[in-house]
Protein backbone atom coordinates (compact mmCIF):
# COMPACT_ATOMS: atom_id res chain seq x y z
CA MET A 1 44.26 47.24 128.29
CA LYS A 2 47.96 46.80 129.07
CA GLN A 3 49.29 48.90 131.94
CA VAL A 4 52.67 50.49 131.20
CA VAL A 5 54.67 52.50 133.73
CA ILE A 6 57.55 54.64 132.53
CA ILE A 7 60.17 55.72 135.05
CA GLY A 8 61.62 59.02 133.91
CA GLY A 9 60.02 61.88 132.01
CA GLY A 10 62.98 62.89 129.87
CA ALA A 11 63.31 62.72 126.09
CA SER A 12 63.20 58.92 125.85
CA GLY A 13 60.47 58.58 128.46
CA LEU A 14 58.14 61.11 126.81
CA VAL A 15 58.39 59.47 123.39
CA ALA A 16 58.04 56.03 124.95
CA ALA A 17 54.84 57.19 126.66
CA ILE A 18 53.38 58.53 123.42
CA MET A 19 54.24 55.44 121.38
CA ALA A 20 52.97 53.05 124.04
CA ALA A 21 49.71 55.00 124.33
CA ARG A 22 49.31 55.18 120.55
CA ASN A 23 49.54 51.40 120.55
CA GLY A 24 46.73 50.97 123.03
CA ALA A 25 48.43 50.93 126.42
CA CYS A 26 47.31 52.75 129.54
CA VAL A 27 50.45 54.73 130.40
CA THR A 28 51.73 56.37 133.58
CA VAL A 29 54.94 58.41 133.66
CA LEU A 30 56.74 58.72 136.98
CA GLU A 31 59.10 61.73 137.16
CA ARG A 32 61.35 62.60 140.10
CA MET A 33 61.41 66.34 139.28
CA GLN A 34 58.54 68.79 139.67
CA ARG A 35 57.95 68.71 135.93
CA ALA A 36 58.83 66.30 133.14
CA GLY A 37 61.29 67.26 130.42
CA LYS A 38 63.40 69.73 132.36
CA LYS A 39 66.68 68.49 130.89
CA LEU A 40 65.24 68.64 127.38
CA LEU A 41 64.85 72.40 127.76
CA ALA A 42 68.63 72.76 128.04
CA THR A 43 69.52 70.79 124.91
CA GLY A 44 71.23 72.59 122.06
CA ASN A 45 71.69 75.66 124.27
CA GLY A 46 67.92 75.87 124.54
CA ARG A 47 67.42 75.41 120.79
CA CYS A 48 67.02 71.58 120.82
CA ASN A 49 69.34 69.96 118.28
CA LEU A 50 66.89 67.09 117.95
CA ALA A 51 68.65 64.90 115.36
CA ASN A 52 71.34 64.81 112.69
CA ARG A 53 70.99 64.17 108.99
CA ARG A 54 74.19 62.09 109.06
CA LEU A 55 72.79 59.28 111.18
CA ASP A 56 75.25 56.42 111.43
CA ALA A 57 76.45 53.99 114.10
CA THR A 58 79.99 55.41 113.81
CA TYR A 59 78.80 58.49 115.72
CA TYR A 60 77.96 56.34 118.77
CA HIS A 61 80.06 54.86 121.55
CA GLY A 62 79.90 52.18 124.21
CA ALA A 63 81.20 48.66 124.66
CA ARG A 64 78.76 47.54 121.93
CA ALA A 65 78.02 50.70 119.96
CA GLU A 66 76.69 48.66 117.02
CA PHE A 67 73.69 47.94 119.25
CA VAL A 68 72.10 51.15 117.92
CA GLU A 69 71.73 49.68 114.42
CA GLY A 70 68.83 47.41 115.35
CA ILE A 71 66.98 50.29 117.00
CA PHE A 72 67.53 52.72 114.13
CA ALA A 73 66.34 50.04 111.71
CA GLN A 74 62.97 50.30 113.47
CA PHE A 75 62.94 54.03 114.20
CA GLY A 76 65.54 55.89 112.19
CA LEU A 77 65.82 59.46 110.98
CA ASP A 78 62.82 59.31 108.63
CA ALA A 79 60.63 57.90 111.38
CA THR A 80 61.89 60.56 113.79
CA LEU A 81 61.11 63.39 111.39
CA ALA A 82 57.68 61.90 110.62
CA PHE A 83 56.99 61.61 114.34
CA PHE A 84 57.76 65.28 115.00
CA ASP A 85 55.90 66.33 111.88
CA SER A 86 52.83 64.56 113.28
CA LEU A 87 53.18 66.77 116.36
CA GLY A 88 53.47 69.94 114.29
CA VAL A 89 57.24 70.45 114.61
CA SER A 90 58.90 71.74 111.44
CA VAL A 91 62.60 70.95 111.16
CA GLU A 92 65.45 72.90 109.57
CA GLU A 93 69.03 71.85 108.90
CA GLU A 94 72.12 73.77 109.98
CA ASP A 95 75.81 72.98 109.58
CA ALA A 96 77.17 69.42 109.79
CA GLY A 97 73.69 67.96 109.32
CA LYS A 98 72.32 69.29 112.61
CA LEU A 99 68.52 69.39 112.70
CA PHE A 100 66.60 71.91 114.79
CA PRO A 101 62.94 72.81 115.22
CA SER A 102 62.13 75.81 113.05
CA SER A 103 61.19 77.66 116.22
CA ARG A 104 64.73 77.11 117.58
CA GLN A 105 63.04 76.55 120.95
CA ALA A 106 63.49 73.41 123.01
CA SER A 107 60.43 74.52 124.95
CA SER A 108 58.26 74.17 121.85
CA VAL A 109 59.39 70.56 121.43
CA LEU A 110 58.56 69.80 125.05
CA ASP A 111 55.21 71.56 124.71
CA VAL A 112 54.05 69.42 121.77
CA LEU A 113 55.24 66.21 123.43
CA ARG A 114 53.32 66.97 126.61
CA TYR A 115 50.27 68.08 124.62
CA GLU A 116 50.25 64.76 122.77
CA MET A 117 50.54 62.89 126.05
CA THR A 118 47.52 64.78 127.35
CA GLN A 119 45.55 63.95 124.20
CA LEU A 120 46.41 60.27 124.69
CA CYS A 121 45.36 60.38 128.37
CA VAL A 122 48.85 59.59 129.65
CA THR A 123 49.04 60.09 133.41
CA GLU A 124 51.98 62.14 134.62
CA VAL A 125 53.05 61.85 138.26
CA CYS A 126 55.87 64.17 139.38
CA ASP A 127 57.91 64.51 142.58
CA VAL A 128 58.07 60.75 142.91
CA ILE A 129 61.18 58.59 143.22
CA VAL A 130 61.06 54.88 142.40
CA HIS A 131 63.24 52.85 144.75
CA ALA A 132 62.57 49.36 143.45
CA ILE A 133 60.88 47.31 140.73
CA GLN A 134 59.38 44.13 142.11
CA SER A 135 57.68 41.13 140.52
CA GLN A 136 54.37 40.29 142.14
CA ARG A 137 51.81 37.72 141.03
CA GLY A 138 52.93 37.87 137.40
CA ARG A 139 52.94 41.67 137.31
CA LEU A 140 55.46 44.39 138.13
CA LEU A 141 55.31 46.80 141.03
CA CYS A 142 57.14 50.14 141.16
CA VAL A 143 57.79 50.93 144.81
CA CYS A 144 58.34 54.62 145.58
CA GLY A 145 60.16 56.32 148.41
CA ASP A 146 57.00 57.90 149.78
CA GLY A 147 55.26 54.54 150.09
CA ARG A 148 53.19 54.75 146.92
CA THR A 149 53.19 51.80 144.52
CA PHE A 150 52.33 51.63 140.83
CA GLU A 151 51.38 48.31 139.29
CA ALA A 152 52.10 47.50 135.66
CA ASP A 153 52.33 44.80 133.04
CA ARG A 154 55.44 46.47 131.63
CA VAL A 155 57.92 48.94 133.12
CA LEU A 156 60.23 51.15 131.07
CA VAL A 157 63.35 52.52 132.76
CA CYS A 158 64.08 55.87 131.06
CA THR A 159 65.91 57.53 133.93
CA GLY A 160 68.88 58.95 132.04
CA GLY A 161 72.45 58.82 133.32
CA LYS A 162 74.29 60.98 135.85
CA SER A 163 74.90 64.15 133.83
CA SER A 164 73.34 67.44 134.93
CA PRO A 165 71.88 66.03 138.18
CA ASN A 166 70.22 69.39 138.83
CA LEU A 167 68.00 68.65 135.81
CA GLY A 168 66.92 65.22 137.03
CA SER A 169 69.60 62.66 136.15
CA ASN A 170 71.23 61.29 139.28
CA GLY A 171 72.09 57.71 138.34
CA GLY A 172 69.04 56.25 140.06
CA GLY A 173 68.29 54.03 137.08
CA TYR A 174 71.56 52.16 137.57
CA LYS A 175 70.52 51.13 141.08
CA LEU A 176 67.20 49.86 139.77
CA ALA A 177 68.98 47.89 137.03
CA GLN A 178 71.57 46.44 139.40
CA ALA A 179 68.84 45.27 141.76
CA LEU A 180 67.32 43.40 138.82
CA GLY A 181 70.63 41.64 138.17
CA HIS A 182 72.08 43.88 135.47
CA THR A 183 75.73 44.75 134.96
CA ILE A 184 76.57 48.46 134.87
CA VAL A 185 79.45 49.63 132.69
CA GLU A 186 81.14 52.23 134.91
CA PRO A 187 79.67 55.64 133.98
CA PHE A 188 81.84 58.66 133.25
CA PRO A 189 81.15 62.20 131.98
CA ALA A 190 81.10 62.91 128.23
CA LEU A 191 80.53 66.11 126.24
CA VAL A 192 82.09 68.03 129.09
CA GLN A 193 84.76 70.68 129.65
CA VAL A 194 88.32 69.44 130.10
CA ARG A 195 90.64 70.26 132.98
CA LEU A 196 94.25 71.03 132.06
CA LEU A 197 97.48 71.04 134.01
CA ALA A 198 99.26 74.27 133.08
CA PRO A 199 100.56 77.26 135.08
CA TYR A 200 99.31 79.93 132.70
CA LEU A 201 95.57 79.25 132.51
CA ASN A 202 94.62 82.36 134.50
CA LEU A 203 96.37 84.50 131.90
CA ILE A 204 94.25 83.22 129.00
CA ALA A 205 90.92 82.45 130.68
CA GLY A 206 88.10 83.69 128.45
CA VAL A 207 90.11 83.63 125.22
CA GLY A 208 88.25 81.91 122.40
CA ILE A 209 89.71 80.94 119.02
CA GLU A 210 89.05 78.58 116.11
CA GLY A 211 91.53 75.75 115.71
CA LYS A 212 92.18 72.03 115.67
CA ALA A 213 92.60 69.84 118.74
CA GLU A 214 94.07 66.35 118.99
CA VAL A 215 93.93 63.91 121.90
CA TRP A 216 97.07 61.86 122.47
CA VAL A 217 97.03 58.96 124.95
CA ASP A 218 100.34 57.41 125.94
CA GLY A 219 101.85 58.82 122.75
CA THR A 220 99.10 57.54 120.42
CA LEU A 221 96.64 59.78 118.57
CA GLU A 222 93.09 58.98 119.77
CA GLY A 223 90.98 61.69 118.16
CA THR A 224 90.87 64.96 116.25
CA ALA A 225 88.29 67.75 116.10
CA THR A 226 88.17 71.22 114.60
CA GLY A 227 86.16 74.17 115.90
CA GLU A 228 85.97 76.55 118.82
CA LEU A 229 88.59 76.37 121.56
CA LEU A 230 87.66 78.34 124.68
CA PHE A 231 90.17 78.66 127.50
CA ALA A 232 89.12 78.87 131.14
CA LYS A 233 90.78 78.93 134.56
CA TYR A 234 90.18 75.19 134.97
CA GLY A 235 91.23 74.29 131.41
CA ILE A 236 89.39 74.39 128.11
CA SER A 237 85.99 73.96 126.46
CA GLY A 238 84.41 74.74 123.10
CA THR A 239 82.83 72.62 120.37
CA ALA A 240 86.06 70.88 119.39
CA ILE A 241 86.87 70.02 123.00
CA LEU A 242 83.40 68.64 123.73
CA GLN A 243 83.78 66.24 120.82
CA LEU A 244 87.05 64.94 122.26
CA SER A 245 86.08 65.00 125.92
CA ARG A 246 84.77 61.43 125.99
CA ALA A 247 88.18 59.98 125.20
CA ILE A 248 89.87 62.36 127.63
CA SER A 249 87.43 61.48 130.40
CA GLU A 250 87.77 57.74 129.85
CA HIS A 251 91.56 57.62 129.65
CA THR A 252 92.35 60.02 132.48
CA LEU A 253 90.08 57.99 134.76
CA LYS A 254 92.19 54.96 133.83
CA GLY A 255 95.33 56.84 134.82
CA ARG A 256 96.76 57.01 131.30
CA ARG A 257 98.86 59.98 130.20
CA THR A 258 96.49 62.13 128.16
CA GLU A 259 97.33 65.40 126.47
CA LEU A 260 95.78 67.87 124.07
CA ARG A 261 97.75 69.20 121.14
CA LEU A 262 96.33 72.42 119.77
CA ASP A 263 96.86 73.70 116.25
CA LEU A 264 96.07 77.41 116.00
CA PHE A 265 96.70 77.46 112.23
CA PRO A 266 95.17 74.22 110.89
CA ALA A 267 94.91 75.58 107.34
CA GLN A 268 98.69 76.03 107.09
CA SER A 269 101.51 73.53 107.12
CA PHE A 270 104.29 73.85 109.65
CA ASP A 271 106.75 75.00 106.98
CA ALA A 272 104.30 77.62 105.65
CA LEU A 273 103.72 78.98 109.14
CA ALA A 274 107.44 79.13 109.91
CA ALA A 275 107.99 81.01 106.64
CA LEU A 276 105.18 83.42 107.55
CA LEU A 277 106.81 84.14 110.92
CA GLU A 278 110.11 84.84 109.25
CA GLN A 279 108.43 87.24 106.81
CA ARG A 280 106.75 89.14 109.66
CA ILE A 281 110.04 89.45 111.50
CA ALA A 282 111.84 90.66 108.38
CA LYS A 283 109.26 93.43 107.82
CA ASP A 284 110.25 95.17 111.04
CA ALA A 285 113.10 93.51 112.83
CA ARG A 286 113.13 96.28 115.46
CA LYS A 287 109.77 95.38 117.00
CA PRO A 288 109.88 93.71 120.43
CA ILE A 289 109.41 89.96 120.11
CA ASP A 290 106.07 89.88 121.92
CA PHE A 291 104.65 92.81 119.93
CA SER A 292 105.77 91.35 116.60
CA PHE A 293 102.98 88.75 116.74
CA VAL A 294 100.16 91.21 117.48
CA GLY A 295 97.65 90.91 114.66
CA LEU A 296 98.57 87.30 113.96
CA VAL A 297 97.29 85.60 117.10
CA HIS A 298 95.15 86.70 120.03
CA LYS A 299 97.18 89.19 122.06
CA ARG A 300 96.67 87.38 125.34
CA LEU A 301 98.01 84.16 123.86
CA ILE A 302 101.31 85.68 122.70
CA PRO A 303 103.24 85.65 126.02
CA VAL A 304 101.97 82.14 126.77
CA LEU A 305 102.97 80.78 123.37
CA LEU A 306 106.39 82.34 123.74
CA LEU A 307 106.66 80.74 127.19
CA VAL A 308 105.74 77.36 125.70
CA ALA A 309 108.38 77.95 123.00
CA ARG A 310 110.95 78.71 125.70
CA VAL A 311 111.70 82.18 124.29
CA GLN A 312 113.19 84.58 126.83
CA ASN A 313 113.72 88.36 127.04
CA LEU A 314 110.58 89.26 125.05
CA GLN A 315 111.50 92.95 124.82
CA ARG A 316 114.51 92.37 122.63
CA PRO A 317 114.12 93.03 118.88
CA CYS A 318 112.38 90.24 117.04
CA GLY A 319 115.20 90.31 114.49
CA ASP A 320 117.37 88.76 117.19
CA LEU A 321 115.32 85.57 117.16
CA SER A 322 117.37 82.59 116.07
CA ARG A 323 116.15 80.08 113.52
CA ASP A 324 115.76 77.54 116.32
CA GLU A 325 113.58 79.96 118.32
CA ILE A 326 111.38 80.64 115.27
CA VAL A 327 110.95 76.89 114.77
CA ARG A 328 109.96 76.50 118.42
CA ILE A 329 107.41 79.32 118.14
CA ALA A 330 105.90 77.73 115.04
CA SER A 331 105.78 74.41 116.89
CA ALA A 332 103.94 76.04 119.81
CA MET A 333 101.38 77.46 117.38
CA LYS A 334 100.95 74.19 115.46
CA ALA A 335 101.30 71.57 118.20
CA TRP A 336 100.77 73.22 121.58
CA ALA A 337 100.83 70.29 124.00
CA ILE A 338 98.98 70.56 127.33
CA LEU A 339 98.53 67.75 129.84
CA CYS A 340 94.95 66.81 130.75
CA PHE A 341 93.95 65.71 134.23
CA GLY A 342 90.30 64.92 133.87
CA THR A 343 87.10 66.78 133.17
CA GLN A 344 84.62 68.95 134.96
CA SER A 345 82.08 67.23 137.21
CA TRP A 346 78.77 65.58 136.38
CA MET A 347 77.10 68.94 136.97
CA PHE A 348 78.70 70.29 133.79
CA SER A 349 78.47 67.15 131.70
CA GLN A 350 75.92 67.01 128.89
CA VAL A 351 75.97 63.25 128.42
CA THR A 352 76.80 60.11 130.38
CA ALA A 353 79.01 57.40 128.90
CA GLY A 354 78.57 53.90 130.31
CA GLY A 355 75.41 52.45 131.82
CA VAL A 356 73.38 49.25 131.59
CA ASP A 357 75.33 46.64 129.62
CA VAL A 358 73.45 46.26 126.33
CA ARG A 359 74.44 42.59 126.08
CA GLU A 360 71.82 42.00 128.77
CA VAL A 361 69.08 43.77 126.78
CA ASP A 362 67.13 42.43 123.80
CA PRO A 363 68.46 44.31 120.72
CA ALA A 364 65.04 44.31 119.04
CA THR A 365 62.65 45.15 121.88
CA LEU A 366 64.97 46.66 124.54
CA GLU A 367 63.47 44.24 127.07
CA SER A 368 65.70 43.09 129.89
CA LYS A 369 67.14 39.59 129.59
CA ARG A 370 67.39 39.53 133.37
CA ALA A 371 63.95 40.84 134.37
CA PRO A 372 61.07 39.97 132.00
CA GLY A 373 58.68 42.85 131.42
CA VAL A 374 61.24 45.56 132.12
CA HIS A 375 62.58 47.62 129.19
CA PHE A 376 65.36 50.19 129.04
CA ALA A 377 65.68 53.25 126.81
CA GLY A 378 67.86 56.32 126.41
CA GLU A 379 70.94 57.37 128.32
CA VAL A 380 70.57 54.73 131.05
CA LEU A 381 71.99 52.24 128.54
CA ASP A 382 75.69 51.99 127.69
CA ILE A 383 75.24 54.05 124.52
CA ASP A 384 76.27 57.66 124.01
CA GLY A 385 76.66 59.78 120.90
CA ASP A 386 78.76 62.61 119.60
CA SER A 387 77.64 66.20 119.88
CA GLY A 388 75.33 67.33 117.10
CA GLY A 389 71.91 65.79 117.79
CA TYR A 390 73.01 62.17 118.11
CA ASN A 391 72.10 61.74 121.76
CA LEU A 392 68.57 63.07 121.33
CA GLN A 393 68.16 60.86 118.25
CA TRP A 394 69.08 57.87 120.40
CA ALA A 395 66.64 58.99 123.08
CA TRP A 396 63.75 59.37 120.62
CA ALA A 397 64.48 56.10 118.80
CA SER A 398 65.10 53.89 121.82
CA GLY A 399 62.11 55.40 123.62
CA ALA A 400 59.85 54.80 120.63
CA VAL A 401 61.00 51.21 120.15
CA ALA A 402 60.69 50.36 123.84
CA GLY A 403 57.27 52.03 124.01
CA VAL A 404 55.87 50.17 121.03
CA HIS A 405 57.09 46.76 122.19
CA ALA A 406 56.03 47.33 125.79
CA ALA A 407 52.49 48.00 124.57
CA MET A 408 52.32 45.12 122.11
CA LEU A 409 54.29 42.21 123.58
CA ASP A 410 52.38 39.54 125.49
């Protein structure tokens, strides 16, 4: 019976263990935390957005994002849903194709995965850190920090990236891969809150609105997203911002000028908004300028937007506003530009961009081209997806493919 050791008990590692065991291997999972699957419990705000109906390579990123196509050809959405159905997990669809367990509990997904591992006699060893993978007499040896060793015919590196290190991902897999001769594409945080450079953030911290956000890099539009915008003392978060954070993180790290442009009225054209402002002013020209916009936008945003529009003396009657001032106010509401200067730290990041260069990994089996017998799966590879279930889908699929081939290859 083939001996398979899996380093990392996250989403990809758990599925890899199950698929390897189902295909006849004797499997051991080595997990650095006290319990496997801790990060999985936090996915989807604890609800586990486990996949997305709109599965396509365009939702993935990395130097060679098309790498996912060969993996999804072997274990795509249908296979993923069939896999979870075999474990007793019913799935329901929400907006934008997001798929969740009917229980809306990430813990239930982890429970059935661990139950299946138990049924398949998978050995789970926790509180163990692998420091090296060595080749010895035609086999592989996982050498741990406490002196223990685990021998295997195949080793799967499913260690995740560097995001949320408190949940188990600390970048240790990159060191293992580098020691085996692999190139690491420099990791950076993705799906993470964005830090902004603006003097008024304390005034609007906690304000949440729906709107559109654009990322502009050196004057070129790099991405657009619509959804929640949530201001904070450090900058901004929300669903729209998380979708754009990868580009912001990447370009600010490269020192490029990166800014957000926020549209608070995406359903209206600039001309329509300017006309609306003029109509409001005409209804009661005696109102103070700042009070004239109460009921149109969040009250705490009004003085900031007027500051951005360079409007002074806010207590004067709104009827005194010039046409140029009205145009500037409409511009602030439709294209509020704020300079970005990075993102929050790894501790707040949901996903890691970068990782093991996929050009050095077999696109069909996920076996290393540098170290025979070693496979990679999940976030440790230079593949990351958009928010909405894409990263867990990659974890399940890559883990399954690596697990099957590790068990079956000679």
